[in-house]
Amino acid sequence: MEIWKTIAEAPNYEISTKGNVRNKTSRRMLKPQAFGATGYKQVSLKIKETNKFQKRYIHRLVAQTFIDNPENKREVNHINGDKLDNRLSNLEWVTSSENQIKRH
């Protein structure tokens, strides 16, 4: 089941537990783009604070929207190692050192 929530910093958009992003008004899905050599997917959103379009990583949007982060960990790990798999069940907050350990 796919659950949708509003993106806090870009309230005109929603993100789902499957890593899909859509415009709230038109329900049009945004097409993610790969970010250079890193391979992470990103979308361009109109940010509320600046009223300008800025790129955001999908995995971070899913984590910020759906995963509690009481320890304020700064990085998001793809549990199965697949950077293209932005499903909620594949993401977790980690520290930089935890992320380095999990990478190997």
Protein backbone atom coordinates (compact mmCIF):
# COMPACT_ATOMS: atom_id res chain seq x y z
CA MET A 1 0.00 0.00 0.00
CA GLU A 2 1.31 3.44 -0.95
CA ILE A 3 0.86 6.19 1.64
CA TRP A 4 1.22 9.87 0.67
CA LYS A 5 2.24 12.79 2.90
CA THR A 6 2.90 16.46 2.28
CA ILE A 7 6.57 17.46 2.04
CA ALA A 8 7.12 19.93 4.92
CA GLU A 9 9.48 22.32 3.13
CA ALA A 10 7.54 22.13 -0.14
CA PRO A 11 3.84 21.92 0.78
CA ASN A 12 2.68 21.94 -2.85
CA TYR A 13 4.08 18.41 -3.20
CA GLU A 14 3.56 14.99 -1.67
CA ILE A 15 5.92 12.03 -1.30
CA SER A 16 4.94 8.41 -0.87
CA THR A 17 6.27 5.43 1.04
CA LYS A 18 7.38 4.06 -2.34
CA GLY A 19 9.51 7.14 -3.08
CA ASN A 20 7.16 8.71 -5.61
CA VAL A 21 6.71 12.49 -5.69
CA ARG A 22 3.69 14.33 -7.06
CA ASN A 23 2.18 17.79 -7.30
CA LYS A 24 -0.66 18.03 -4.77
CA THR A 25 -2.96 20.09 -6.98
CA SER A 26 -2.58 18.35 -10.34
CA ARG A 27 -1.58 14.92 -8.93
CA ARG A 28 1.06 14.87 -11.67
CA MET A 29 4.00 12.62 -10.83
CA LEU A 30 7.43 14.25 -10.94
CA LYS A 31 10.08 12.46 -12.95
CA PRO A 32 13.21 11.96 -10.86
CA GLN A 33 16.65 12.57 -12.32
CA ALA A 34 19.89 10.83 -11.42
CA PHE A 35 22.41 13.07 -9.71
CA GLY A 36 25.76 12.80 -11.47
CA ALA A 37 28.18 10.08 -10.43
CA THR A 38 26.50 9.47 -7.06
CA GLY A 39 23.49 7.79 -8.67
CA TYR A 40 20.98 9.18 -6.18
CA LYS A 41 17.61 10.24 -7.60
CA GLN A 42 16.42 13.82 -7.11
CA VAL A 43 13.52 16.08 -7.98
CA SER A 44 13.16 19.83 -8.31
CA LEU A 45 10.63 21.32 -5.88
CA LYS A 46 9.40 24.85 -5.20
CA ILE A 47 10.57 25.43 -1.63
CA LYS A 48 8.22 27.37 0.65
CA GLU A 49 10.91 29.41 2.43
CA THR A 50 12.60 30.79 -0.70
CA ASN A 51 9.74 30.44 -3.21
CA LYS A 52 12.35 29.08 -5.65
CA PHE A 53 12.90 25.69 -7.21
CA GLN A 54 15.62 23.60 -5.58
CA LYS A 55 16.72 20.01 -6.07
CA ARG A 56 16.16 17.50 -3.29
CA TYR A 57 17.23 13.86 -2.96
CA ILE A 58 14.24 11.51 -2.90
CA HIS A 59 15.71 9.20 -0.25
CA ARG A 60 16.15 12.13 2.12
CA LEU A 61 12.61 13.38 1.46
CA VAL A 62 11.18 9.95 2.28
CA ALA A 63 13.24 9.72 5.48
CA GLN A 64 12.42 13.28 6.60
CA THR A 65 8.71 12.72 5.96
CA PHE A 66 8.19 9.21 7.32
CA ILE A 67 11.04 8.19 9.66
CA ASP A 68 11.45 9.58 13.18
CA ASN A 69 14.98 10.76 13.91
CA PRO A 70 15.14 11.35 17.69
CA GLU A 71 18.95 11.15 17.74
CA ASN A 72 19.25 13.72 14.91
CA LYS A 73 21.34 11.44 12.73
CA ARG A 74 22.38 13.27 9.59
CA GLU A 75 22.62 10.63 6.88
CA VAL A 76 20.17 8.21 5.26
CA ASN A 77 21.29 4.67 4.46
CA HIS A 78 19.82 2.41 1.76
CA ILE A 79 19.61 -0.84 3.71
CA ASN A 80 19.90 -3.11 0.66
CA GLY A 81 22.68 -0.98 -0.89
CA ASP A 82 20.57 -0.03 -3.93
CA LYS A 83 20.63 3.78 -4.30
CA LEU A 84 17.65 3.63 -6.64
CA ASP A 85 15.44 1.84 -4.11
CA ASN A 86 13.86 4.72 -2.20
CA ARG A 87 11.06 2.76 -0.55
CA LEU A 88 10.47 3.58 3.12
CA SER A 89 11.24 -0.01 4.14
CA ASN A 90 14.74 0.32 2.61
CA LEU A 91 15.79 3.52 4.40
CA GLU A 92 17.17 4.32 7.85
CA TRP A 93 18.80 7.28 9.58
CA VAL A 94 22.49 6.71 10.40
CA THR A 95 25.52 8.62 11.59
CA SER A 96 28.37 9.22 9.18
CA SER A 97 30.44 6.48 10.82
CA GLU A 98 27.52 4.03 10.72
CA ASN A 99 27.06 4.83 7.04
CA GLN A 100 30.74 4.14 6.33
CA ILE A 101 30.58 0.78 8.10
CA LYS A 102 27.41 -0.25 6.25
CA ARG A 103 28.93 0.73 2.90
CA HIS A 104 31.46 -2.10 3.08
